[in-house]
Amino acid sequence: LQDHYMAMLNFRTDAESLISAASPENAALLQSEGRGPLSSNIG
């Protein structure tokens, strides 16, 4: 068995990230238009 090793590097930023994706506005955007931060696959 061979598995794929990954090393992720993390950086803080002042820009808005996905931690604020779960908002009512974004939920409505996903439901109505199928887009927005909640449609993100993260990678």
Full PDB file with SEQRES, HELIX, SHEET, SSBOND, CRYST1, ORIGX, SCALE, CONECT and MASTER records, all heavy atoms in Angstrom:
SEQRES   1 A   43  LEU GLN ASP HIS TYR MET ALA MET LEU ASN PHE ARG THR          
SEQRES   2 A   43  ASP ALA GLU SER LEU ILE SER ALA ALA SER PRO GLU ASN          
SEQRES   3 A   43  ALA ALA LEU LEU GLN SER GLU GLY ARG GLY PRO LEU SER          
SEQRES   4 A   43  SER ASN ILE GLY                                              
HELIX    1 AA1 LEU A   18  SER A   20  5                                   3    
HELIX    2 AA2 PRO A   24  GLU A   33  1                                  10    
HELIX    3 AA3 PRO A   37  SER A   39  5                                   3    
CRYST1    1.000    1.000    1.000  90.00  90.00  90.00 P 1           1          
ORIGX1      1.000000  0.000000  0.000000        0.00000                         
ORIGX2      0.000000  1.000000  0.000000        0.00000                         
ORIGX3      0.000000  0.000000  1.000000        0.00000                         
SCALE1      1.000000  0.000000  0.000000        0.00000                         
SCALE2      0.000000  1.000000  0.000000        0.00000                         
SCALE3      0.000000  0.000000  1.000000        0.00000                         
ATOM      1  N   LEU A   1       0.842  -1.198   0.000  1.00  0.00           N  
ATOM      2  CA  LEU A   1       0.000   0.000   0.000  1.00  0.00           C  
ATOM      3  C   LEU A   1       0.879   1.251   0.000  1.00  0.00           C  
ATOM      4  O   LEU A   1       1.834   1.344   0.770  1.00  0.00           O  
ATOM      5  CB  LEU A   1      -0.908   0.010   1.232  1.00  0.00           C  
ATOM      6  CG  LEU A   1      -1.731   1.282   1.435  1.00  0.00           C  
ATOM      7  CD1 LEU A   1      -2.800   1.413   0.370  1.00  0.00           C  
ATOM      8  CD2 LEU A   1      -2.356   1.313   2.810  1.00  0.00           C  
ATOM      9  N   GLN A   2       0.564   2.191  -0.854  1.00  0.00           N  
ATOM     10  CA  GLN A   2       1.264   3.476  -0.903  1.00  0.00           C  
ATOM     11  C   GLN A   2       0.252   4.596  -0.717  1.00  0.00           C  
ATOM     12  O   GLN A   2      -0.785   4.605  -1.374  1.00  0.00           O  
ATOM     13  CB  GLN A   2       1.980   3.641  -2.253  1.00  0.00           C  
ATOM     14  CG  GLN A   2       3.036   2.587  -2.512  1.00  0.00           C  
ATOM     15  CD  GLN A   2       3.557   2.631  -3.938  1.00  0.00           C  
ATOM     16  OE1 GLN A   2       2.947   3.257  -4.804  1.00  0.00           O  
ATOM     17  NE2 GLN A   2       4.668   1.972  -4.195  1.00  0.00           N  
ATOM     18  N   ASP A   3       0.550   5.512   0.179  1.00  0.00           N  
ATOM     19  CA  ASP A   3      -0.331   6.653   0.384  1.00  0.00           C  
ATOM     20  C   ASP A   3       0.446   7.932   0.100  1.00  0.00           C  
ATOM     21  O   ASP A   3       1.674   7.939   0.070  1.00  0.00           O  
ATOM     22  CB  ASP A   3      -0.892   6.659   1.811  1.00  0.00           C  
ATOM     23  CG  ASP A   3      -2.247   7.333   1.894  1.00  0.00           C  
ATOM     24  OD1 ASP A   3      -2.625   8.027   0.928  1.00  0.00           O  
ATOM     25  OD2 ASP A   3      -2.928   7.176   2.917  1.00  0.00           O  
ATOM     26  N   HIS A   4      -0.275   9.015  -0.104  1.00  0.00           N  
ATOM     27  CA  HIS A   4       0.316  10.262  -0.579  1.00  0.00           C  
ATOM     28  C   HIS A   4       0.519  11.233   0.576  1.00  0.00           C  
ATOM     29  O   HIS A   4      -0.449  11.761   1.125  1.00  0.00           O  
ATOM     30  CB  HIS A   4      -0.586  10.898  -1.641  1.00  0.00           C  
ATOM     31  CG  HIS A   4      -0.834  10.025  -2.814  1.00  0.00           C  
ATOM     32  ND1 HIS A   4      -1.779   9.027  -2.796  1.00  0.00           N  
ATOM     33  CD2 HIS A   4      -0.250   9.961  -4.025  1.00  0.00           C  
ATOM     34  CE1 HIS A   4      -1.774   8.406  -3.961  1.00  0.00           C  
ATOM     35  NE2 HIS A   4      -0.858   8.953  -4.726  1.00  0.00           N  
ATOM     36  N   TYR A   5       1.769  11.476   0.918  1.00  0.00           N  
ATOM     37  CA  TYR A   5       2.065  12.400   2.008  1.00  0.00           C  
ATOM     38  C   TYR A   5       1.923  13.836   1.549  1.00  0.00           C  
ATOM     39  O   TYR A   5       2.315  14.194   0.440  1.00  0.00           O  
ATOM     40  CB  TYR A   5       3.478  12.157   2.551  1.00  0.00           C  
ATOM     41  CG  TYR A   5       3.516  11.000   3.518  1.00  0.00           C  
ATOM     42  CD1 TYR A   5       3.955   9.751   3.127  1.00  0.00           C  
ATOM     43  CD2 TYR A   5       3.055  11.170   4.819  1.00  0.00           C  
ATOM     44  CE1 TYR A   5       3.962   8.688   4.015  1.00  0.00           C  
ATOM     45  CE2 TYR A   5       3.054  10.122   5.719  1.00  0.00           C  
ATOM     46  CZ  TYR A   5       3.510   8.874   5.309  1.00  0.00           C  
ATOM     47  OH  TYR A   5       3.504   7.829   6.191  1.00  0.00           O  
ATOM     48  N   MET A   6       1.361  14.641   2.431  1.00  0.00           N  
ATOM     49  CA  MET A   6       1.133  16.056   2.137  1.00  0.00           C  
ATOM     50  C   MET A   6       1.591  16.887   3.326  1.00  0.00           C  
ATOM     51  O   MET A   6       1.409  16.486   4.477  1.00  0.00           O  
ATOM     52  CB  MET A   6      -0.351  16.304   1.872  1.00  0.00           C  
ATOM     53  CG  MET A   6      -0.703  17.764   1.627  1.00  0.00           C  
ATOM     54  SD  MET A   6      -2.486  18.043   1.630  1.00  0.00           S  
ATOM     55  CE  MET A   6      -2.972  17.138   0.180  1.00  0.00           C  
ATOM     56  N   ALA A   7       2.208  18.029   3.049  1.00  0.00           N  
ATOM     57  CA  ALA A   7       2.605  18.961   4.100  1.00  0.00           C  
ATOM     58  C   ALA A   7       1.979  20.316   3.800  1.00  0.00           C  
ATOM     59  O   ALA A   7       2.348  20.971   2.830  1.00  0.00           O  
ATOM     60  CB  ALA A   7       4.125  19.086   4.169  1.00  0.00           C  
ATOM     61  N   MET A   8       1.004  20.706   4.616  1.00  0.00           N  
ATOM     62  CA  MET A   8       0.315  21.975   4.394  1.00  0.00           C  
ATOM     63  C   MET A   8       0.938  23.070   5.265  1.00  0.00           C  
ATOM     64  O   MET A   8       1.157  22.886   6.468  1.00  0.00           O  
ATOM     65  CB  MET A   8      -1.175  21.837   4.721  1.00  0.00           C  
ATOM     66  CG  MET A   8      -1.935  20.923   3.782  1.00  0.00           C  
ATOM     67  SD  MET A   8      -2.054  21.574   2.095  1.00  0.00           S  
ATOM     68  CE  MET A   8      -3.436  22.704   2.262  1.00  0.00           C  
ATOM     69  N   LEU A   9       1.208  24.202   4.644  1.00  0.00           N  
ATOM     70  CA  LEU A   9       1.751  25.356   5.345  1.00  0.00           C  
ATOM     71  C   LEU A   9       0.626  26.364   5.580  1.00  0.00           C  
ATOM     72  O   LEU A   9      -0.193  26.609   4.694  1.00  0.00           O  
ATOM     73  CB  LEU A   9       2.857  26.009   4.510  1.00  0.00           C  
ATOM     74  CG  LEU A   9       3.981  25.079   4.044  1.00  0.00           C  
ATOM     75  CD1 LEU A   9       4.965  25.839   3.161  1.00  0.00           C  
ATOM     76  CD2 LEU A   9       4.698  24.466   5.230  1.00  0.00           C  
ATOM     77  N   ASN A  10       0.589  26.943   6.765  1.00  0.00           N  
ATOM     78  CA  ASN A  10      -0.485  27.859   7.143  1.00  0.00           C  
ATOM     79  C   ASN A  10       0.027  29.287   7.305  1.00  0.00           C  
ATOM     80  O   ASN A  10       1.114  29.505   7.854  1.00  0.00           O  
ATOM     81  CB  ASN A  10      -1.119  27.413   8.469  1.00  0.00           C  
ATOM     82  CG  ASN A  10      -1.943  26.158   8.309  1.00  0.00           C  
ATOM     83  OD1 ASN A  10      -3.050  26.193   7.796  1.00  0.00           O  
ATOM     84  ND2 ASN A  10      -1.399  25.025   8.748  1.00  0.00           N  
ATOM     85  N   PHE A  11      -0.780  30.244   6.851  1.00  0.00           N  
ATOM     86  CA  PHE A  11      -0.423  31.661   6.943  1.00  0.00           C  
ATOM     87  C   PHE A  11      -1.647  32.462   7.389  1.00  0.00           C  
ATOM     88  O   PHE A  11      -2.717  32.330   6.798  1.00  0.00           O  
ATOM     89  CB  PHE A  11       0.059  32.196   5.585  1.00  0.00           C  
ATOM     90  CG  PHE A  11       1.268  31.466   5.045  1.00  0.00           C  
ATOM     91  CD1 PHE A  11       1.112  30.310   4.301  1.00  0.00           C  
ATOM     92  CD2 PHE A  11       2.544  31.947   5.290  1.00  0.00           C  
ATOM     93  CE1 PHE A  11       2.219  29.635   3.805  1.00  0.00           C  
ATOM     94  CE2 PHE A  11       3.657  31.273   4.797  1.00  0.00           C  
ATOM     95  CZ  PHE A  11       3.497  30.115   4.057  1.00  0.00           C  
ATOM     96  N   ARG A  12      -1.457  33.294   8.402  1.00  0.00           N  
ATOM     97  CA  ARG A  12      -2.537  34.194   8.802  1.00  0.00           C  
ATOM     98  C   ARG A  12      -2.657  35.333   7.787  1.00  0.00           C  
ATOM     99  O   ARG A  12      -1.691  35.699   7.124  1.00  0.00           O  
ATOM    100  CB  ARG A  12      -2.266  34.780  10.183  1.00  0.00           C  
ATOM    101  CG  ARG A  12      -2.285  33.762  11.312  1.00  0.00           C  
ATOM    102  CD  ARG A  12      -2.085  34.476  12.650  1.00  0.00           C  
ATOM    103  NE  ARG A  12      -2.073  33.529  13.764  1.00  0.00           N  
ATOM    104  CZ  ARG A  12      -0.969  32.946  14.234  1.00  0.00           C  
ATOM    105  NH1 ARG A  12       0.204  33.211  13.671  1.00  0.00           N  
ATOM    106  NH2 ARG A  12      -1.027  32.111  15.241  1.00  0.00           N  
ATOM    107  N   THR A  13      -3.864  35.890   7.689  1.00  0.00           N  
ATOM    108  CA  THR A  13      -4.089  37.005   6.772  1.00  0.00           C  
ATOM    109  C   THR A  13      -5.209  37.889   7.318  1.00  0.00           C  
ATOM    110  O   THR A  13      -6.048  37.437   8.111  1.00  0.00           O  
ATOM    111  CB  THR A  13      -4.471  36.499   5.366  1.00  0.00           C  
ATOM    112  OG1 THR A  13      -4.740  37.613   4.520  1.00  0.00           O  
ATOM    113  CG2 THR A  13      -5.711  35.626   5.408  1.00  0.00           C  
ATOM    114  N   ASP A  14      -5.214  39.129   6.882  1.00  0.00           N  
ATOM    115  CA  ASP A  14      -6.315  40.034   7.233  1.00  0.00           C  
ATOM    116  C   ASP A  14      -7.489  39.868   6.278  1.00  0.00           C  
ATOM    117  O   ASP A  14      -8.585  40.381   6.540  1.00  0.00           O  
ATOM    118  CB  ASP A  14      -5.830  41.490   7.197  1.00  0.00           C  
ATOM    119  CG  ASP A  14      -4.823  41.794   8.302  1.00  0.00           C  
ATOM    120  OD1 ASP A  14      -4.893  41.133   9.348  1.00  0.00           O  
ATOM    121  OD2 ASP A  14      -3.971  42.682   8.099  1.00  0.00           O  
ATOM    122  N   ALA A  15      -7.259  39.182   5.158  1.00  0.00           N  
ATOM    123  CA  ALA A  15      -8.339  38.967   4.197  1.00  0.00           C  
ATOM    124  C   ALA A  15      -9.336  37.946   4.742  1.00  0.00           C  
ATOM    125  O   ALA A  15      -8.989  37.061   5.517  1.00  0.00           O  
ATOM    126  CB  ALA A  15      -7.768  38.475   2.872  1.00  0.00           C  
ATOM    127  N   GLU A  16     -10.582  38.079   4.320  1.00  0.00           N  
ATOM    128  CA  GLU A  16     -11.632  37.180   4.802  1.00  0.00           C  
ATOM    129  C   GLU A  16     -11.433  35.786   4.211  1.00  0.00           C  
ATOM    130  O   GLU A  16     -11.202  35.620   3.011  1.00  0.00           O  
ATOM    131  CB  GLU A  16     -13.009  37.711   4.408  1.00  0.00           C  
ATOM    132  CG  GLU A  16     -14.147  36.918   5.028  1.00  0.00           C  
ATOM    133  CD  GLU A  16     -15.498  37.555   4.779  1.00  0.00           C  
ATOM    134  OE1 GLU A  16     -15.561  38.543   4.026  1.00  0.00           O  
ATOM    135  OE2 GLU A  16     -16.495  37.067   5.340  1.00  0.00           O  
ATOM    136  N   SER A  17     -11.515  34.769   5.068  1.00  0.00           N  
ATOM    137  CA  SER A  17     -11.340  33.386   4.635  1.00  0.00           C  
ATOM    138  C   SER A  17     -12.673  32.644   4.744  1.00  0.00           C  
ATOM    139  O   SER A  17     -13.716  33.236   4.997  1.00  0.00           O  
ATOM    140  CB  SER A  17     -10.272  32.689   5.484  1.00  0.00           C  
ATOM    141  OG  SER A  17     -10.747  32.483   6.811  1.00  0.00           O  
ATOM    142  N   LEU A  18     -12.620  31.342   4.583  1.00  0.00           N  
ATOM    143  CA  LEU A  18     -13.851  30.543   4.616  1.00  0.00           C  
ATOM    144  C   LEU A  18     -14.431  30.348   6.011  1.00  0.00           C  
ATOM    145  O   LEU A  18     -15.508  29.763   6.142  1.00  0.00           O  
ATOM    146  CB  LEU A  18     -13.593  29.166   3.985  1.00  0.00           C  
ATOM    147  CG  LEU A  18     -13.463  29.109   2.461  1.00  0.00           C  
ATOM    148  CD1 LEU A  18     -13.185  27.674   2.015  1.00  0.00           C  
ATOM    149  CD2 LEU A  18     -14.720  29.629   1.773  1.00  0.00           C  
ATOM    150  N   ILE A  19     -13.753  30.819   7.065  1.00  0.00           N  
ATOM    151  CA  ILE A  19     -14.327  30.593   8.398  1.00  0.00           C  
ATOM    152  C   ILE A  19     -15.636  31.358   8.579  1.00  0.00           C  
ATOM    153  O   ILE A  19     -16.424  31.042   9.476  1.00  0.00           O  
ATOM    154  CB  ILE A  19     -13.342  30.943   9.536  1.00  0.00           C  
ATOM    155  CG1 ILE A  19     -13.009  32.433   9.548  1.00  0.00           C  
ATOM    156  CG2 ILE A  19     -12.086  30.100   9.444  1.00  0.00           C  
ATOM    157  CD1 ILE A  19     -12.234  32.850  10.802  1.00  0.00           C  
ATOM    158  N   SER A  20     -15.883  32.357   7.722  1.00  0.00           N  
ATOM    159  CA  SER A  20     -17.138  33.116   7.812  1.00  0.00           C  
ATOM    160  C   SER A  20     -18.140  32.688   6.742  1.00  0.00           C  
ATOM    161  O   SER A  20     -19.109  33.401   6.475  1.00  0.00           O  
ATOM    162  CB  SER A  20     -16.856  34.616   7.693  1.00  0.00           C  
ATOM    163  OG  SER A  20     -16.112  34.896   6.526  1.00  0.00           O  
ATOM    164  N   ALA A  21     -17.908  31.510   6.132  1.00  0.00           N  
ATOM    165  CA  ALA A  21     -18.768  31.072   5.024  1.00  0.00           C  
ATOM    166  C   ALA A  21     -20.177  30.703   5.481  1.00  0.00           C  
ATOM    167  O   ALA A  21     -21.144  30.887   4.739  1.00  0.00           O  
ATOM    168  CB  ALA A  21     -18.131  29.878   4.311  1.00  0.00           C  
ATOM    169  N   ALA A  22     -20.308  30.183   6.689  1.00  0.00           N  
ATOM    170  CA  ALA A  22     -21.598  29.650   7.127  1.00  0.00           C  
ATOM    171  C   ALA A  22     -22.519  30.750   7.649  1.00  0.00           C  
ATOM    172  O   ALA A  22     -22.872  30.800   8.828  1.00  0.00           O  
ATOM    173  CB  ALA A  22     -21.388  28.587   8.198  1.00  0.00           C  
ATOM    174  N   SER A  23     -22.909  31.637   6.750  1.00  0.00           N  
ATOM    175  CA  SER A  23     -23.827  32.717   7.112  1.00  0.00           C  
ATOM    176  C   SER A  23     -25.166  32.485   6.423  1.00  0.00           C  
ATOM    177  O   SER A  23     -25.242  31.798   5.405  1.00  0.00           O  
ATOM    178  CB  SER A  23     -23.255  34.065   6.670  1.00  0.00           C  
ATOM    179  OG  SER A  23     -23.234  34.153   5.251  1.00  0.00           O  
ATOM    180  N   PRO A  24     -26.245  33.058   6.951  1.00  0.00           N  
ATOM    181  CA  PRO A  24     -27.546  32.922   6.284  1.00  0.00           C  
ATOM    182  C   PRO A  24     -27.520  33.445   4.847  1.00  0.00           C  
ATOM    183  O   PRO A  24     -28.167  32.881   3.962  1.00  0.00           O  
ATOM    184  CB  PRO A  24     -28.482  33.753   7.172  1.00  0.00           C  
ATOM    185  CG  PRO A  24     -27.835  33.760   8.521  1.00  0.00           C  
ATOM    186  CD  PRO A  24     -26.360  33.762   8.246  1.00  0.00           C  
ATOM    187  N   GLU A  25     -26.768  34.534   4.619  1.00  0.00           N  
ATOM    188  CA  GLU A  25     -26.686  35.104   3.273  1.00  0.00           C  
ATOM    189  C   GLU A  25     -26.030  34.120   2.299  1.00  0.00           C  
ATOM    190  O   GLU A  25     -26.503  33.944   1.169  1.00  0.00           O  
ATOM    191  CB  GLU A  25     -25.892  36.414   3.304  1.00  0.00           C  
ATOM    192  CG  GLU A  25     -26.548  37.542   4.076  1.00  0.00           C  
ATOM    193  CD  GLU A  25     -26.365  37.409   5.597  1.00  0.00           C  
ATOM    194  OE1 GLU A  25     -25.529  36.576   6.031  1.00  0.00           O  
ATOM    195  OE2 GLU A  25     -27.048  38.135   6.325  1.00  0.00           O  
ATOM    196  N   ASN A  26     -24.942  33.469   2.741  1.00  0.00           N  
ATOM    197  CA  ASN A  26     -24.261  32.512   1.871  1.00  0.00           C  
ATOM    198  C   ASN A  26     -25.083  31.251   1.663  1.00  0.00           C  
ATOM    199  O   ASN A  26     -25.030  30.638   0.592  1.00  0.00           O  
ATOM    200  CB  ASN A  26     -22.891  32.170   2.446  1.00  0.00           C  
ATOM    201  CG  ASN A  26     -21.900  33.308   2.314  1.00  0.00           C  
ATOM    202  OD1 ASN A  26     -22.024  34.148   1.423  1.00  0.00           O  
ATOM    203  ND2 ASN A  26     -20.915  33.348   3.206  1.00  0.00           N  
ATOM    204  N   ALA A  27     -25.844  30.848   2.692  1.00  0.00           N  
ATOM    205  CA  ALA A  27     -26.729  29.695   2.536  1.00  0.00           C  
ATOM    206  C   ALA A  27     -27.804  29.993   1.496  1.00  0.00           C  
ATOM    207  O   ALA A  27     -28.131  29.137   0.655  1.00  0.00           O  
ATOM    208  CB  ALA A  27     -27.365  29.329   3.876  1.00  0.00           C  
ATOM    209  N   ALA A  28     -28.335  31.206   1.525  1.00  0.00           N  
ATOM    210  CA  ALA A  28     -29.360  31.607   0.553  1.00  0.00           C  
ATOM    211  C   ALA A  28     -28.761  31.684  -0.848  1.00  0.00           C  
ATOM    212  O   ALA A  28     -29.405  31.310  -1.835  1.00  0.00           O  
ATOM    213  CB  ALA A  28     -29.957  32.947   0.951  1.00  0.00           C  
ATOM    214  N   LEU A  29     -27.516  32.148  -0.948  1.00  0.00           N  
ATOM    215  CA  LEU A  29     -26.845  32.240  -2.238  1.00  0.00           C  
ATOM    216  C   LEU A  29     -26.616  30.855  -2.835  1.00  0.00           C  
ATOM    217  O   LEU A  29     -26.823  30.646  -4.044  1.00  0.00           O  
ATOM    218  CB  LEU A  29     -25.516  32.983  -2.069  1.00  0.00           C  
ATOM    219  CG  LEU A  29     -24.715  33.289  -3.337  1.00  0.00           C  
ATOM    220  CD1 LEU A  29     -25.506  34.199  -4.270  1.00  0.00           C  
ATOM    221  CD2 LEU A  29     -23.371  33.925  -2.969  1.00  0.00           C  
ATOM    222  N   LEU A  30     -26.216  29.907  -2.000  1.00  0.00           N  
ATOM    223  CA  LEU A  30     -26.025  28.536  -2.480  1.00  0.00           C  
ATOM    224  C   LEU A  30     -27.346  27.933  -2.937  1.00  0.00           C  
ATOM    225  O   LEU A  30     -27.416  27.285  -3.996  1.00  0.00           O  
ATOM    226  CB  LEU A  30     -25.411  27.671  -1.370  1.00  0.00           C  
ATOM    227  CG  LEU A  30     -25.175  26.205  -1.727  1.00  0.00           C  
ATOM    228  CD1 LEU A  30     -24.107  26.063  -2.799  1.00  0.00           C  
ATOM    229  CD2 LEU A  30     -24.783  25.393  -0.483  1.00  0.00           C  
ATOM    230  N   GLN A  31     -28.394  28.172  -2.156  1.00  0.00           N  
ATOM    231  CA  GLN A  31     -29.693  27.582  -2.477  1.00  0.00           C  
ATOM    232  C   GLN A  31     -30.306  28.192  -3.729  1.00  0.00           C  
ATOM    233  O   GLN A  31     -30.890  27.487  -4.556  1.00  0.00           O  
ATOM    234  CB  GLN A  31     -30.643  27.756  -1.287  1.00  0.00           C  
ATOM    235  CG  GLN A  31     -31.967  27.025  -1.453  1.00  0.00           C  
ATOM    236  CD  GLN A  31     -32.800  27.079  -0.178  1.00  0.00           C  
ATOM    237  OE1 GLN A  31     -32.555  27.862   0.707  1.00  0.00           O  
ATOM    238  NE2 GLN A  31     -33.799  26.203  -0.092  1.00  0.00           N  
ATOM    239  N   SER A  32     -30.141  29.493  -3.903  1.00  0.00           N  
ATOM    240  CA  SER A  32     -30.811  30.172  -5.015  1.00  0.00           C  
ATOM    241  C   SER A  32     -30.000  30.170  -6.306  1.00  0.00           C  
ATOM    242  O   SER A  32     -30.555  30.054  -7.396  1.00  0.00           O  
ATOM    243  CB  SER A  32     -31.131  31.621  -4.628  1.00  0.00           C  
ATOM    244  OG  SER A  32     -29.937  32.346  -4.356  1.00  0.00           O  
ATOM    245  N   GLU A  33     -28.663  30.256  -6.172  1.00  0.00           N  
ATOM    246  CA  GLU A  33     -27.826  30.402  -7.369  1.00  0.00           C  
ATOM    247  C   GLU A  33     -26.747  29.329  -7.497  1.00  0.00           C  
ATOM    248  O   GLU A  33     -26.024  29.305  -8.498  1.00  0.00           O  
ATOM    249  CB  GLU A  33     -27.173  31.786  -7.379  1.00  0.00           C  
ATOM    250  CG  GLU A  33     -28.186  32.933  -7.382  1.00  0.00           C  
ATOM    251  CD  GLU A  33     -27.502  34.290  -7.438  1.00  0.00           C  
ATOM    252  OE1 GLU A  33     -26.391  34.366  -8.001  1.00  0.00           O  
ATOM    253  OE2 GLU A  33     -28.078  35.268  -6.917  1.00  0.00           O  
ATOM    254  N   GLY A  34     -26.609  28.470  -6.489  1.00  0.00           N  
ATOM    255  CA  GLY A  34     -25.615  27.403  -6.560  1.00  0.00           C  
ATOM    256  C   GLY A  34     -24.193  27.897  -6.602  1.00  0.00           C  
ATOM    257  O   GLY A  34     -23.333  27.318  -7.274  1.00  0.00           O  
ATOM    258  N   ARG A  35     -23.900  28.961  -5.875  1.00  0.00           N  
ATOM    259  CA  ARG A  35     -22.544  29.506  -5.854  1.00  0.00           C  
ATOM    260  C   ARG A  35     -22.283  30.150  -4.505  1.00  0.00           C  
ATOM    261  O   ARG A  35     -23.112  30.094  -3.609  1.00  0.00           O  
ATOM    262  CB  ARG A  35     -22.356  30.530  -6.979  1.00  0.00           C  
ATOM    263  CG  ARG A  35     -23.230  31.760  -6.887  1.00  0.00           C  
ATOM    264  CD  ARG A  35     -22.976  32.725  -8.030  1.00  0.00           C  
ATOM    265  NE  ARG A  35     -23.789  33.939  -7.902  1.00  0.00           N  
ATOM    266  CZ  ARG A  35     -23.412  35.016  -7.227  1.00  0.00           C  
ATOM    267  NH1 ARG A  35     -22.233  35.036  -6.607  1.00  0.00           N  
ATOM    268  NH2 ARG A  35     -24.203  36.093  -7.160  1.00  0.00           N  
ATOM    269  N   GLY A  36     -21.094  30.748  -4.385  1.00  0.00           N  
ATOM    270  CA  GLY A  36     -20.730  31.420  -3.148  1.00  0.00           C  
ATOM    271  C   GLY A  36     -19.804  30.581  -2.294  1.00  0.00           C  
ATOM    272  O   GLY A  36     -19.435  29.449  -2.653  1.00  0.00           O  
ATOM    273  N   PRO A  37     -19.396  31.102  -1.126  1.00  0.00           N  
ATOM    274  CA  PRO A  37     -18.410  30.416  -0.282  1.00  0.00           C  
ATOM    275  C   PRO A  37     -18.809  29.001   0.137  1.00  0.00           C  
ATOM    276  O   PRO A  37     -17.941  28.136   0.292  1.00  0.00           O  
ATOM    277  CB  PRO A  37     -18.298  31.344   0.939  1.00  0.00           C  
ATOM    278  CG  PRO A  37     -18.686  32.692   0.434  1.00  0.00           C  
ATOM    279  CD  PRO A  37     -19.748  32.432  -0.594  1.00  0.00           C  
ATOM    280  N   LEU A  38     -20.094  28.741   0.328  1.00  0.00           N  
ATOM    281  CA  LEU A  38     -20.508  27.400   0.751  1.00  0.00           C  
ATOM    282  C   LEU A  38     -20.388  26.376  -0.375  1.00  0.00           C  
ATOM    283  O   LEU A  38     -20.442  25.169  -0.114  1.00  0.00           O  
ATOM    284  CB  LEU A  38     -21.936  27.429   1.298  1.00  0.00           C  
ATOM    285  CG  LEU A  38     -22.094  28.064   2.679  1.00  0.00           C  
ATOM    286  CD1 LEU A  38     -23.567  28.129   3.081  1.00  0.00           C  
ATOM    287  CD2 LEU A  38     -21.302  27.281   3.734  1.00  0.00           C  
ATOM    288  N   SER A  39     -20.223  26.835  -1.612  1.00  0.00           N  
ATOM    289  CA  SER A  39     -19.997  25.905  -2.717  1.00  0.00           C  
ATOM    290  C   SER A  39     -18.518  25.531  -2.835  1.00  0.00           C  
ATOM    291  O   SER A  39     -18.150  24.714  -3.688  1.00  0.00           O  
ATOM    292  CB  SER A  39     -20.482  26.508  -4.041  1.00  0.00           C  
ATOM    293  OG  SER A  39     -19.628  27.561  -4.459  1.00  0.00           O  
ATOM    294  N   SER A  40     -17.676  26.134  -1.997  1.00  0.00           N  
ATOM    295  CA  SER A  40     -16.239  25.882  -2.068  1.00  0.00           C  
ATOM    296  C   SER A  40     -15.907  24.447  -1.687  1.00  0.00           C  
ATOM    297  O   SER A  40     -16.428  23.915  -0.701  1.00  0.00           O  
ATOM    298  CB  SER A  40     -15.478  26.839  -1.143  1.00  0.00           C  
ATOM    299  OG  SER A  40     -14.107  26.502  -1.104  1.00  0.00           O  
ATOM    300  N   ASN A  41     -15.028  23.830  -2.453  1.00  0.00           N  
ATOM    301  CA  ASN A  41     -14.517  22.499  -2.091  1.00  0.00           C  
ATOM    302  C   ASN A  41     -13.293  22.624  -1.197  1.00  0.00           C  
ATOM    303  O   ASN A  41     -12.615  21.626  -0.932  1.00  0.00           O  
ATOM    304  CB  ASN A  41     -14.156  21.711  -3.351  1.00  0.00           C  
ATOM    305  CG  ASN A  41     -12.937  22.265  -4.051  1.00  0.00           C  
ATOM    306  OD1 ASN A  41     -12.866  23.468  -4.295  1.00  0.00           O  
ATOM    307  ND2 ASN A  41     -11.976  21.414  -4.365  1.00  0.00           N  
ATOM    308  N   ILE A  42     -12.999  23.810  -0.743  1.00  0.00           N  
ATOM    309  CA  ILE A  42     -11.886  24.196   0.141  1.00  0.00           C  
ATOM    310  C   ILE A  42     -10.545  24.123  -0.592  1.00  0.00           C  
ATOM    311  O   ILE A  42      -9.831  25.113  -0.690  1.00  0.00           O  
ATOM    312  CB  ILE A  42     -11.880  23.382   1.452  1.00  0.00           C  
ATOM    313  CG1 ILE A  42     -13.208  23.627   2.213  1.00  0.00           C  
ATOM    314  CG2 ILE A  42     -10.693  23.765   2.321  1.00  0.00           C  
ATOM    315  CD1 ILE A  42     -13.317  22.926   3.547  1.00  0.00           C  
ATOM    316  N   GLY A  43     -10.192  22.966  -1.140  1.00  0.00           N  
ATOM    317  CA  GLY A  43      -8.965  22.868  -1.933  1.00  0.00           C  
ATOM    318  C   GLY A  43      -9.221  23.382  -3.339  1.00  0.00           C  
ATOM    319  O   GLY A  43      -9.201  22.616  -4.312  1.00  0.00           O  
TER     320      GLY A  43                                                      
MASTER        0    0    0    3    0    0    0    6  319    1    0    4          
END                                                                             
